Amino acid sequence: FADTLFGGTPRRVDHTLVPTAVFTTPELGVVGLTEEAALL
């Protein structure tokens, strides 16, 4: 947002590829499509 509005560099954000973790014990680490979503 700041780069676009005040830095003269329009930037869009990709919301599709999101690495994430769930800090249960044991923990989860995931990125990309689930099997169910990938099959579609």
Full PDB file with SEQRES, HELIX, SHEET, SSBOND, CRYST1, ORIGX, SCALE, CONECT and MASTER records, all heavy atoms in Angstrom:
SEQRES   1 A   40  PHE ALA ASP THR LEU PHE GLY GLY THR PRO ARG ARG VAL          
SEQRES   2 A   40  ASP HIS THR LEU VAL PRO THR ALA VAL PHE THR THR PRO          
SEQRES   3 A   40  GLU LEU GLY VAL VAL GLY LEU THR GLU GLU ALA ALA LEU          
SEQRES   4 A   40  LEU                                                          
HELIX    1 AA1 ALA A    2  PHE A    6  1                                   5    
HELIX    2 AA2 GLU A   35  LEU A   39  1                                   5    
SHEET    1 AA1 2 THR A  20  VAL A  22  0                                        
SHEET    2 AA1 2 LEU A  28  VAL A  30 -1                                        
CRYST1    1.000    1.000    1.000  90.00  90.00  90.00 P 1           1          
ORIGX1      1.000000  0.000000  0.000000        0.00000                         
ORIGX2      0.000000  1.000000  0.000000        0.00000                         
ORIGX3      0.000000  0.000000  1.000000        0.00000                         
SCALE1      1.000000  0.000000  0.000000        0.00000                         
SCALE2      0.000000  1.000000  0.000000        0.00000                         
SCALE3      0.000000  0.000000  1.000000        0.00000                         
ATOM      1  N   PHE A   1       0.834  -1.207   0.000  1.00  0.00           N  
ATOM      2  CA  PHE A   1       0.000   0.000   0.000  1.00  0.00           C  
ATOM      3  C   PHE A   1       0.868   1.256   0.000  1.00  0.00           C  
ATOM      4  O   PHE A   1       0.649   2.182  -0.797  1.00  0.00           O  
ATOM      5  CB  PHE A   1      -0.921  -0.004   1.223  1.00  0.00           C  
ATOM      6  CG  PHE A   1      -1.360   1.360   1.659  1.00  0.00           C  
ATOM      7  CD1 PHE A   1      -2.392   2.017   1.015  1.00  0.00           C  
ATOM      8  CD2 PHE A   1      -0.714   1.992   2.714  1.00  0.00           C  
ATOM      9  CE1 PHE A   1      -2.789   3.296   1.408  1.00  0.00           C  
ATOM     10  CE2 PHE A   1      -1.104   3.268   3.125  1.00  0.00           C  
ATOM     11  CZ  PHE A   1      -2.141   3.919   2.458  1.00  0.00           C  
ATOM     12  N   ALA A   2       1.853   1.307   0.895  1.00  0.00           N  
ATOM     13  CA  ALA A   2       2.690   2.508   1.006  1.00  0.00           C  
ATOM     14  C   ALA A   2       3.529   2.721  -0.238  1.00  0.00           C  
ATOM     15  O   ALA A   2       3.693   3.860  -0.710  1.00  0.00           O  
ATOM     16  CB  ALA A   2       3.574   2.400   2.246  1.00  0.00           C  
ATOM     17  N   ASP A   3       4.069   1.639  -0.787  1.00  0.00           N  
ATOM     18  CA  ASP A   3       4.858   1.770  -2.018  1.00  0.00           C  
ATOM     19  C   ASP A   3       3.989   2.255  -3.175  1.00  0.00           C  
ATOM     20  O   ASP A   3       4.421   3.067  -4.002  1.00  0.00           O  
ATOM     21  CB  ASP A   3       5.484   0.427  -2.389  1.00  0.00           C  
ATOM     22  CG  ASP A   3       6.722   0.117  -1.574  1.00  0.00           C  
ATOM     23  OD1 ASP A   3       7.226   1.018  -0.883  1.00  0.00           O  
ATOM     24  OD2 ASP A   3       7.173  -1.047  -1.621  1.00  0.00           O  
ATOM     25  N   THR A   4       2.765   1.743  -3.233  1.00  0.00           N  
ATOM     26  CA  THR A   4       1.856   2.115  -4.314  1.00  0.00           C  
ATOM     27  C   THR A   4       1.461   3.578  -4.234  1.00  0.00           C  
ATOM     28  O   THR A   4       1.514   4.311  -5.230  1.00  0.00           O  
ATOM     29  CB  THR A   4       0.592   1.237  -4.273  1.00  0.00           C  
ATOM     30  OG1 THR A   4       0.965  -0.129  -4.463  1.00  0.00           O  
ATOM     31  CG2 THR A   4      -0.396   1.645  -5.362  1.00  0.00           C  
ATOM     32  N   LEU A   5       1.082   4.007  -3.051  1.00  0.00           N  
ATOM     33  CA  LEU A   5       0.511   5.345  -2.898  1.00  0.00           C  
ATOM     34  C   LEU A   5       1.569   6.432  -2.779  1.00  0.00           C  
ATOM     35  O   LEU A   5       1.403   7.534  -3.325  1.00  0.00           O  
ATOM     36  CB  LEU A   5      -0.402   5.377  -1.665  1.00  0.00           C  
ATOM     37  CG  LEU A   5      -1.455   6.493  -1.640  1.00  0.00           C  
ATOM     38  CD1 LEU A   5      -2.402   6.374  -2.832  1.00  0.00           C  
ATOM     39  CD2 LEU A   5      -2.244   6.445  -0.336  1.00  0.00           C  
ATOM     40  N   PHE A   6       2.666   6.128  -2.092  1.00  0.00           N  
ATOM     41  CA  PHE A   6       3.649   7.174  -1.809  1.00  0.00           C  
ATOM     42  C   PHE A   6       5.018   6.910  -2.420  1.00  0.00           C  
ATOM     43  O   PHE A   6       5.859   7.804  -2.456  1.00  0.00           O  
ATOM     44  CB  PHE A   6       3.806   7.344  -0.289  1.00  0.00           C  
ATOM     45  CG  PHE A   6       2.539   7.757   0.399  1.00  0.00           C  
ATOM     46  CD1 PHE A   6       1.812   6.839   1.138  1.00  0.00           C  
ATOM     47  CD2 PHE A   6       2.056   9.054   0.298  1.00  0.00           C  
ATOM     48  CE1 PHE A   6       0.633   7.202   1.769  1.00  0.00           C  
ATOM     49  CE2 PHE A   6       0.874   9.436   0.923  1.00  0.00           C  
ATOM     50  CZ  PHE A   6       0.160   8.503   1.666  1.00  0.00           C  
ATOM     51  N   GLY A   7       5.244   5.694  -2.905  1.00  0.00           N  
ATOM     52  CA  GLY A   7       6.554   5.367  -3.456  1.00  0.00           C  
ATOM     53  C   GLY A   7       6.609   5.346  -4.962  1.00  0.00           C  
ATOM     54  O   GLY A   7       7.680   5.115  -5.542  1.00  0.00           O  
ATOM     55  N   GLY A   8       5.462   5.546  -5.592  1.00  0.00           N  
ATOM     56  CA  GLY A   8       5.443   5.562  -7.048  1.00  0.00           C  
ATOM     57  C   GLY A   8       5.659   4.195  -7.675  1.00  0.00           C  
ATOM     58  O   GLY A   8       6.013   4.101  -8.852  1.00  0.00           O  
ATOM     59  N   THR A   9       5.452   3.127  -6.887  1.00  0.00           N  
ATOM     60  CA  THR A   9       5.651   1.775  -7.398  1.00  0.00           C  
ATOM     61  C   THR A   9       4.406   0.949  -7.110  1.00  0.00           C  
ATOM     62  O   THR A   9       4.274   0.354  -6.035  1.00  0.00           O  
ATOM     63  CB  THR A   9       6.871   1.107  -6.724  1.00  0.00           C  
ATOM     64  OG1 THR A   9       8.013   1.950  -6.865  1.00  0.00           O  
ATOM     65  CG2 THR A   9       7.160  -0.245  -7.361  1.00  0.00           C  
ATOM     66  N   PRO A  10       3.462   0.914  -8.040  1.00  0.00           N  
ATOM     67  CA  PRO A  10       2.235   0.129  -7.801  1.00  0.00           C  
ATOM     68  C   PRO A  10       2.560  -1.339  -7.555  1.00  0.00           C  
ATOM     69  O   PRO A  10       3.297  -1.956  -8.333  1.00  0.00           O  
ATOM     70  CB  PRO A  10       1.443   0.314  -9.099  1.00  0.00           C  
ATOM     71  CG  PRO A  10       1.971   1.575  -9.693  1.00  0.00           C  
ATOM     72  CD  PRO A  10       3.435   1.612  -9.338  1.00  0.00           C  
ATOM     73  N   ARG A  11       2.034  -1.872  -6.448  1.00  0.00           N  
ATOM     74  CA  ARG A  11       2.318  -3.264  -6.084  1.00  0.00           C  
ATOM     75  C   ARG A  11       1.041  -3.974  -5.669  1.00  0.00           C  
ATOM     76  O   ARG A  11       0.305  -3.488  -4.823  1.00  0.00           O  
ATOM     77  CB  ARG A  11       3.331  -3.328  -4.937  1.00  0.00           C  
ATOM     78  CG  ARG A  11       4.750  -2.926  -5.308  1.00  0.00           C  
ATOM     79  CD  ARG A  11       5.660  -3.036  -4.101  1.00  0.00           C  
ATOM     80  NE  ARG A  11       5.542  -4.355  -3.484  1.00  0.00           N  
ATOM     81  CZ  ARG A  11       5.837  -4.603  -2.211  1.00  0.00           C  
ATOM     82  NH1 ARG A  11       6.222  -3.614  -1.432  1.00  0.00           N  
ATOM     83  NH2 ARG A  11       5.717  -5.823  -1.723  1.00  0.00           N  
ATOM     84  N   ARG A  12       0.806  -5.117  -6.282  1.00  0.00           N  
ATOM     85  CA  ARG A  12      -0.271  -6.007  -5.866  1.00  0.00           C  
ATOM     86  C   ARG A  12       0.319  -7.101  -4.987  1.00  0.00           C  
ATOM     87  O   ARG A  12       1.470  -7.472  -5.152  1.00  0.00           O  
ATOM     88  CB  ARG A  12      -0.962  -6.647  -7.078  1.00  0.00           C  
ATOM     89  CG  ARG A  12      -1.612  -5.661  -8.036  1.00  0.00           C  
ATOM     90  CD  ARG A  12      -2.170  -6.415  -9.239  1.00  0.00           C  
ATOM     91  NE  ARG A  12      -2.854  -5.536 -10.175  1.00  0.00           N  
ATOM     92  CZ  ARG A  12      -2.262  -4.866 -11.160  1.00  0.00           C  
ATOM     93  NH1 ARG A  12      -0.937  -4.988 -11.328  1.00  0.00           N  
ATOM     94  NH2 ARG A  12      -2.953  -4.089 -11.969  1.00  0.00           N  
ATOM     95  N   VAL A  13      -0.492  -7.629  -4.098  1.00  0.00           N  
ATOM     96  CA  VAL A  13      -0.046  -8.697  -3.207  1.00  0.00           C  
ATOM     97  C   VAL A  13      -0.673 -10.010  -3.643  1.00  0.00           C  
ATOM     98  O   VAL A  13      -1.881 -10.091  -3.884  1.00  0.00           O  
ATOM     99  CB  VAL A  13      -0.423  -8.385  -1.742  1.00  0.00           C  
ATOM    100  CG1 VAL A  13      -0.088  -9.562  -0.835  1.00  0.00           C  
ATOM    101  CG2 VAL A  13       0.301  -7.126  -1.270  1.00  0.00           C  
ATOM    102  N   ASP A  14       0.154 -11.042  -3.758  1.00  0.00           N  
ATOM    103  CA  ASP A  14      -0.315 -12.371  -4.116  1.00  0.00           C  
ATOM    104  C   ASP A  14      -0.842 -13.058  -2.856  1.00  0.00           C  
ATOM    105  O   ASP A  14      -0.110 -13.261  -1.894  1.00  0.00           O  
ATOM    106  CB  ASP A  14       0.839 -13.176  -4.710  1.00  0.00           C  
ATOM    107  CG  ASP A  14       0.427 -14.585  -5.122  1.00  0.00           C  
ATOM    108  OD1 ASP A  14      -0.785 -14.889  -5.087  1.00  0.00           O  
ATOM    109  OD2 ASP A  14       1.325 -15.380  -5.472  1.00  0.00           O  
ATOM    110  N   HIS A  15      -2.124 -13.406  -2.858  1.00  0.00           N  
ATOM    111  CA  HIS A  15      -2.742 -14.065  -1.712  1.00  0.00           C  
ATOM    112  C   HIS A  15      -2.924 -15.564  -1.943  1.00  0.00           C  
ATOM    113  O   HIS A  15      -3.650 -16.220  -1.190  1.00  0.00           O  
ATOM    114  CB  HIS A  15      -4.106 -13.440  -1.413  1.00  0.00           C  
ATOM    115  CG  HIS A  15      -4.031 -12.023  -0.918  1.00  0.00           C  
ATOM    116  ND1 HIS A  15      -3.986 -10.943  -1.763  1.00  0.00           N  
ATOM    117  CD2 HIS A  15      -3.998 -11.519   0.338  1.00  0.00           C  
ATOM    118  CE1 HIS A  15      -3.937  -9.833  -1.053  1.00  0.00           C  
ATOM    119  NE2 HIS A  15      -3.934 -10.153   0.227  1.00  0.00           N  
ATOM    120  N   THR A  16      -2.275 -16.106  -2.957  1.00  0.00           N  
ATOM    121  CA  THR A  16      -2.566 -17.490  -3.331  1.00  0.00           C  
ATOM    122  C   THR A  16      -1.556 -18.499  -2.806  1.00  0.00           C  
ATOM    123  O   THR A  16      -1.912 -19.659  -2.599  1.00  0.00           O  
ATOM    124  CB  THR A  16      -2.635 -17.629  -4.863  1.00  0.00           C  
ATOM    125  OG1 THR A  16      -1.385 -17.225  -5.439  1.00  0.00           O  
ATOM    126  CG2 THR A  16      -3.753 -16.750  -5.426  1.00  0.00           C  
ATOM    127  N   LEU A  17      -0.322 -18.116  -2.615  1.00  0.00           N  
ATOM    128  CA  LEU A  17       0.699 -19.061  -2.152  1.00  0.00           C  
ATOM    129  C   LEU A  17       1.151 -18.618  -0.764  1.00  0.00           C  
ATOM    130  O   LEU A  17       1.947 -17.692  -0.622  1.00  0.00           O  
ATOM    131  CB  LEU A  17       1.879 -19.107  -3.122  1.00  0.00           C  
ATOM    132  CG  LEU A  17       2.941 -20.169  -2.820  1.00  0.00           C  
ATOM    133  CD1 LEU A  17       2.341 -21.569  -2.885  1.00  0.00           C  
ATOM    134  CD2 LEU A  17       4.110 -20.048  -3.784  1.00  0.00           C  
ATOM    135  N   VAL A  18       0.643 -19.288   0.260  1.00  0.00           N  
ATOM    136  CA  VAL A  18       0.796 -18.801   1.628  1.00  0.00           C  
ATOM    137  C   VAL A  18       1.400 -19.892   2.510  1.00  0.00           C  
ATOM    138  O   VAL A  18       0.686 -20.794   2.966  1.00  0.00           O  
ATOM    139  CB  VAL A  18      -0.559 -18.357   2.205  1.00  0.00           C  
ATOM    140  CG1 VAL A  18      -0.389 -17.812   3.618  1.00  0.00           C  
ATOM    141  CG2 VAL A  18      -1.210 -17.309   1.298  1.00  0.00           C  
ATOM    142  N   PRO A  19       2.713 -19.860   2.765  1.00  0.00           N  
ATOM    143  CA  PRO A  19       3.279 -20.795   3.739  1.00  0.00           C  
ATOM    144  C   PRO A  19       2.752 -20.448   5.131  1.00  0.00           C  
ATOM    145  O   PRO A  19       2.633 -19.271   5.490  1.00  0.00           O  
ATOM    146  CB  PRO A  19       4.787 -20.530   3.648  1.00  0.00           C  
ATOM    147  CG  PRO A  19       4.993 -19.712   2.410  1.00  0.00           C  
ATOM    148  CD  PRO A  19       3.723 -18.958   2.193  1.00  0.00           C  
ATOM    149  N   THR A  20       2.445 -21.469   5.905  1.00  0.00           N  
ATOM    150  CA  THR A  20       1.946 -21.199   7.257  1.00  0.00           C  
ATOM    151  C   THR A  20       2.275 -22.363   8.160  1.00  0.00           C  
ATOM    152  O   THR A  20       2.572 -23.470   7.709  1.00  0.00           O  
ATOM    153  CB  THR A  20       0.430 -20.922   7.245  1.00  0.00           C  
ATOM    154  OG1 THR A  20       0.022 -20.425   8.513  1.00  0.00           O  
ATOM    155  CG2 THR A  20      -0.352 -22.195   6.946  1.00  0.00           C  
ATOM    156  N   ALA A  21       2.224 -22.089   9.465  1.00  0.00           N  
ATOM    157  CA  ALA A  21       2.490 -23.110  10.467  1.00  0.00           C  
ATOM    158  C   ALA A  21       1.412 -23.055  11.533  1.00  0.00           C  
ATOM    159  O   ALA A  21       0.855 -21.991  11.819  1.00  0.00           O  
ATOM    160  CB  ALA A  21       3.865 -22.910  11.100  1.00  0.00           C  
ATOM    161  N   VAL A  22       1.124 -24.207  12.111  1.00  0.00           N  
ATOM    162  CA  VAL A  22       0.241 -24.297  13.266  1.00  0.00           C  
ATOM    163  C   VAL A  22       1.091 -24.858  14.402  1.00  0.00           C  
ATOM    164  O   VAL A  22       1.613 -25.972  14.301  1.00  0.00           O  
ATOM    165  CB  VAL A  22      -0.960 -25.216  12.993  1.00  0.00           C  
ATOM    166  CG1 VAL A  22      -1.847 -25.333  14.231  1.00  0.00           C  
ATOM    167  CG2 VAL A  22      -1.766 -24.692  11.817  1.00  0.00           C  
ATOM    168  N   PHE A  23       1.235 -24.086  15.473  1.00  0.00           N  
ATOM    169  CA  PHE A  23       2.173 -24.464  16.523  1.00  0.00           C  
ATOM    170  C   PHE A  23       1.516 -25.284  17.625  1.00  0.00           C  
ATOM    171  O   PHE A  23       1.619 -24.984  18.804  1.00  0.00           O  
ATOM    172  CB  PHE A  23       2.871 -23.223  17.068  1.00  0.00           C  
ATOM    173  CG  PHE A  23       3.786 -22.600  16.055  1.00  0.00           C  
ATOM    174  CD1 PHE A  23       3.450 -21.396  15.449  1.00  0.00           C  
ATOM    175  CD2 PHE A  23       4.952 -23.229  15.677  1.00  0.00           C  
ATOM    176  CE1 PHE A  23       4.286 -20.829  14.496  1.00  0.00           C  
ATOM    177  CE2 PHE A  23       5.787 -22.681  14.720  1.00  0.00           C  
ATOM    178  CZ  PHE A  23       5.457 -21.476  14.128  1.00  0.00           C  
ATOM    179  N   THR A  24       0.822 -26.335  17.185  1.00  0.00           N  
ATOM    180  CA  THR A  24       0.467 -27.397  18.096  1.00  0.00           C  
ATOM    181  C   THR A  24       1.740 -28.193  18.378  1.00  0.00           C  
ATOM    182  O   THR A  24       2.802 -27.911  17.823  1.00  0.00           O  
ATOM    183  CB  THR A  24      -0.582 -28.312  17.455  1.00  0.00           C  
ATOM    184  OG1 THR A  24      -0.151 -28.642  16.111  1.00  0.00           O  
ATOM    185  CG2 THR A  24      -1.937 -27.631  17.382  1.00  0.00           C  
ATOM    186  N   THR A  25       1.626 -29.206  19.238  1.00  0.00           N  
ATOM    187  CA  THR A  25       2.750 -30.125  19.417  1.00  0.00           C  
ATOM    188  C   THR A  25       2.217 -31.532  19.215  1.00  0.00           C  
ATOM    189  O   THR A  25       1.449 -32.021  20.034  1.00  0.00           O  
ATOM    190  CB  THR A  25       3.363 -29.977  20.824  1.00  0.00           C  
ATOM    191  OG1 THR A  25       3.788 -28.630  21.028  1.00  0.00           O  
ATOM    192  CG2 THR A  25       4.562 -30.909  20.974  1.00  0.00           C  
ATOM    193  N   PRO A  26       2.561 -32.187  18.081  1.00  0.00           N  
ATOM    194  CA  PRO A  26       3.500 -31.739  17.055  1.00  0.00           C  
ATOM    195  C   PRO A  26       2.922 -30.616  16.205  1.00  0.00           C  
ATOM    196  O   PRO A  26       1.704 -30.447  16.143  1.00  0.00           O  
ATOM    197  CB  PRO A  26       3.723 -32.993  16.210  1.00  0.00           C  
ATOM    198  CG  PRO A  26       2.431 -33.757  16.350  1.00  0.00           C  
ATOM    199  CD  PRO A  26       1.979 -33.518  17.762  1.00  0.00           C  
ATOM    200  N   GLU A  27       3.831 -29.866  15.576  1.00  0.00           N  
ATOM    201  CA  GLU A  27       3.394 -28.724  14.778  1.00  0.00           C  
ATOM    202  C   GLU A  27       3.138 -29.113  13.335  1.00  0.00           C  
ATOM    203  O   GLU A  27       3.543 -30.184  12.880  1.00  0.00           O  
ATOM    204  CB  GLU A  27       4.419 -27.601  14.853  1.00  0.00           C  
ATOM    205  CG  GLU A  27       5.702 -27.828  14.096  1.00  0.00           C  
ATOM    206  CD  GLU A  27       6.724 -26.724  14.364  1.00  0.00           C  
ATOM    207  OE1 GLU A  27       6.830 -26.261  15.530  1.00  0.00           O  
ATOM    208  OE2 GLU A  27       7.415 -26.318  13.409  1.00  0.00           O  
ATOM    209  N   LEU A  28       2.465 -28.199  12.646  1.00  0.00           N  
ATOM    210  CA  LEU A  28       2.179 -28.367  11.217  1.00  0.00           C  
ATOM    211  C   LEU A  28       2.912 -27.292  10.432  1.00  0.00           C  
ATOM    212  O   LEU A  28       2.991 -26.140  10.866  1.00  0.00           O  
ATOM    213  CB  LEU A  28       0.681 -28.200  10.936  1.00  0.00           C  
ATOM    214  CG  LEU A  28      -0.253 -29.396  11.051  1.00  0.00           C  
ATOM    215  CD1 LEU A  28      -0.265 -29.917  12.468  1.00  0.00           C  
ATOM    216  CD2 LEU A  28      -1.654 -28.998  10.621  1.00  0.00           C  
ATOM    217  N   GLY A  29       3.408 -27.687   9.263  1.00  0.00           N  
ATOM    218  CA  GLY A  29       3.930 -26.720   8.317  1.00  0.00           C  
ATOM    219  C   GLY A  29       3.358 -27.039   6.954  1.00  0.00           C  
ATOM    220  O   GLY A  29       3.467 -28.183   6.487  1.00  0.00           O  
ATOM    221  N   VAL A  30       2.718 -26.074   6.316  1.00  0.00           N  
ATOM    222  CA  VAL A  30       2.064 -26.333   5.034  1.00  0.00           C  
ATOM    223  C   VAL A  30       2.266 -25.155   4.091  1.00  0.00           C  
ATOM    224  O   VAL A  30       2.405 -24.009   4.517  1.00  0.00           O  
ATOM    225  CB  VAL A  30       0.552 -26.589   5.209  1.00  0.00           C  
ATOM    226  CG1 VAL A  30       0.311 -27.770   6.137  1.00  0.00           C  
ATOM    227  CG2 VAL A  30      -0.162 -25.365   5.739  1.00  0.00           C  
ATOM    228  N   VAL A  31       2.261 -25.465   2.806  1.00  0.00           N  
ATOM    229  CA  VAL A  31       2.261 -24.434   1.780  1.00  0.00           C  
ATOM    230  C   VAL A  31       1.706 -25.045   0.497  1.00  0.00           C  
ATOM    231  O   VAL A  31       1.975 -26.201   0.187  1.00  0.00           O  
ATOM    232  CB  VAL A  31       3.670 -23.846   1.528  1.00  0.00           C  
ATOM    233  CG1 VAL A  31       4.655 -24.911   1.086  1.00  0.00           C  
ATOM    234  CG2 VAL A  31       3.615 -22.705   0.518  1.00  0.00           C  
ATOM    235  N   GLY A  32       0.902 -24.273  -0.205  1.00  0.00           N  
ATOM    236  CA  GLY A  32       0.338 -24.749  -1.459  1.00  0.00           C  
ATOM    237  C   GLY A  32      -1.017 -25.387  -1.279  1.00  0.00           C  
ATOM    238  O   GLY A  32      -1.681 -25.239  -0.254  1.00  0.00           O  
ATOM    239  N   LEU A  33      -1.430 -26.130  -2.290  1.00  0.00           N  
ATOM    240  CA  LEU A  33      -2.768 -26.691  -2.334  1.00  0.00           C  
ATOM    241  C   LEU A  33      -2.897 -27.942  -1.473  1.00  0.00           C  
ATOM    242  O   LEU A  33      -1.944 -28.720  -1.333  1.00  0.00           O  
ATOM    243  CB  LEU A  33      -3.139 -27.049  -3.774  1.00  0.00           C  
ATOM    244  CG  LEU A  33      -3.176 -25.889  -4.784  1.00  0.00           C  
ATOM    245  CD1 LEU A  33      -3.445 -26.429  -6.181  1.00  0.00           C  
ATOM    246  CD2 LEU A  33      -4.217 -24.851  -4.390  1.00  0.00           C  
ATOM    247  N   THR A  34      -4.093 -28.151  -0.906  1.00  0.00           N  
ATOM    248  CA  THR A  34      -4.422 -29.429  -0.308  1.00  0.00           C  
ATOM    249  C   THR A  34      -4.703 -30.426  -1.427  1.00  0.00           C  
ATOM    250  O   THR A  34      -4.913 -30.052  -2.589  1.00  0.00           O  
ATOM    251  CB  THR A  34      -5.657 -29.315   0.591  1.00  0.00           C  
ATOM    252  OG1 THR A  34      -6.800 -28.995  -0.233  1.00  0.00           O  
ATOM    253  CG2 THR A  34      -5.488 -28.227   1.648  1.00  0.00           C  
ATOM    254  N   GLU A  35      -4.733 -31.706  -1.080  1.00  0.00           N  
ATOM    255  CA  GLU A  35      -5.039 -32.717  -2.094  1.00  0.00           C  
ATOM    256  C   GLU A  35      -6.428 -32.488  -2.677  1.00  0.00           C  
ATOM    257  O   GLU A  35      -6.636 -32.608  -3.887  1.00  0.00           O  
ATOM    258  CB  GLU A  35      -4.943 -34.114  -1.488  1.00  0.00           C  
ATOM    259  CG  GLU A  35      -5.190 -35.229  -2.489  1.00  0.00           C  
ATOM    260  CD  GLU A  35      -4.977 -36.607  -1.912  1.00  0.00           C  
ATOM    261  OE1 GLU A  35      -4.432 -36.707  -0.785  1.00  0.00           O  
ATOM    262  OE2 GLU A  35      -5.347 -37.594  -2.584  1.00  0.00           O  
ATOM    263  N   GLU A  36      -7.371 -32.129  -1.815  1.00  0.00           N  
ATOM    264  CA  GLU A  36      -8.741 -31.932  -2.269  1.00  0.00           C  
ATOM    265  C   GLU A  36      -8.834 -30.759  -3.242  1.00  0.00           C  
ATOM    266  O   GLU A  36      -9.505 -30.832  -4.275  1.00  0.00           O  
ATOM    267  CB  GLU A  36      -9.658 -31.698  -1.061  1.00  0.00           C  
ATOM    268  CG  GLU A  36      -9.736 -32.874  -0.092  1.00  0.00           C  
ATOM    269  CD  GLU A  36      -8.469 -33.078   0.729  1.00  0.00           C  
ATOM    270  OE1 GLU A  36      -7.780 -32.083   1.041  1.00  0.00           O  
ATOM    271  OE2 GLU A  36      -8.164 -34.242   1.059  1.00  0.00           O  
ATOM    272  N   ALA A  37      -8.147 -29.649  -2.920  1.00  0.00           N  
ATOM    273  CA  ALA A  37      -8.174 -28.484  -3.793  1.00  0.00           C  
ATOM    274  C   ALA A  37      -7.395 -28.733  -5.076  1.00  0.00           C  
ATOM    275  O   ALA A  37      -7.790 -28.287  -6.159  1.00  0.00           O  
ATOM    276  CB  ALA A  37      -7.612 -27.270  -3.056  1.00  0.00           C  
ATOM    277  N   ALA A  38      -6.285 -29.435  -4.969  1.00  0.00           N  
ATOM    278  CA  ALA A  38      -5.464 -29.701  -6.153  1.00  0.00           C  
ATOM    279  C   ALA A  38      -6.221 -30.528  -7.182  1.00  0.00           C  
ATOM    280  O   ALA A  38      -6.119 -30.293  -8.392  1.00  0.00           O  
ATOM    281  CB  ALA A  38      -4.174 -30.409  -5.742  1.00  0.00           C  
ATOM    282  N   LEU A  39      -6.998 -31.489  -6.724  1.00  0.00           N  
ATOM    283  CA  LEU A  39      -7.723 -32.356  -7.647  1.00  0.00           C  
ATOM    284  C   LEU A  39      -8.758 -31.606  -8.475  1.00  0.00           C  
ATOM    285  O   LEU A  39      -9.104 -32.035  -9.581  1.00  0.00           O  
ATOM    286  CB  LEU A  39      -8.405 -33.488  -6.877  1.00  0.00           C  
ATOM    287  CG  LEU A  39      -7.508 -34.675  -6.524  1.00  0.00           C  
ATOM    288  CD1 LEU A  39      -8.226 -35.633  -5.594  1.00  0.00           C  
ATOM    289  CD2 LEU A  39      -7.051 -35.393  -7.797  1.00  0.00           C  
ATOM    290  N   LEU A  40      -9.258 -30.492  -7.944  1.00  0.00           N  
ATOM    291  CA  LEU A  40     -10.235 -29.720  -8.699  1.00  0.00           C  
ATOM    292  C   LEU A  40      -9.609 -29.065  -9.935  1.00  0.00           C  
ATOM    293  O   LEU A  40     -10.299 -28.800 -10.917  1.00  0.00           O  
ATOM    294  CB  LEU A  40     -10.842 -28.641  -7.795  1.00  0.00           C  
ATOM    295  CG  LEU A  40     -11.650 -29.145  -6.597  1.00  0.00           C  
ATOM    296  CD1 LEU A  40     -12.117 -27.969  -5.744  1.00  0.00           C  
ATOM    297  CD2 LEU A  40     -12.846 -29.975  -7.074  1.00  0.00           C  
TER     298      LEU A  40                                                      
MASTER        0    0    0    2    2    0    0    6  297    1    0    4          
END                                                                             
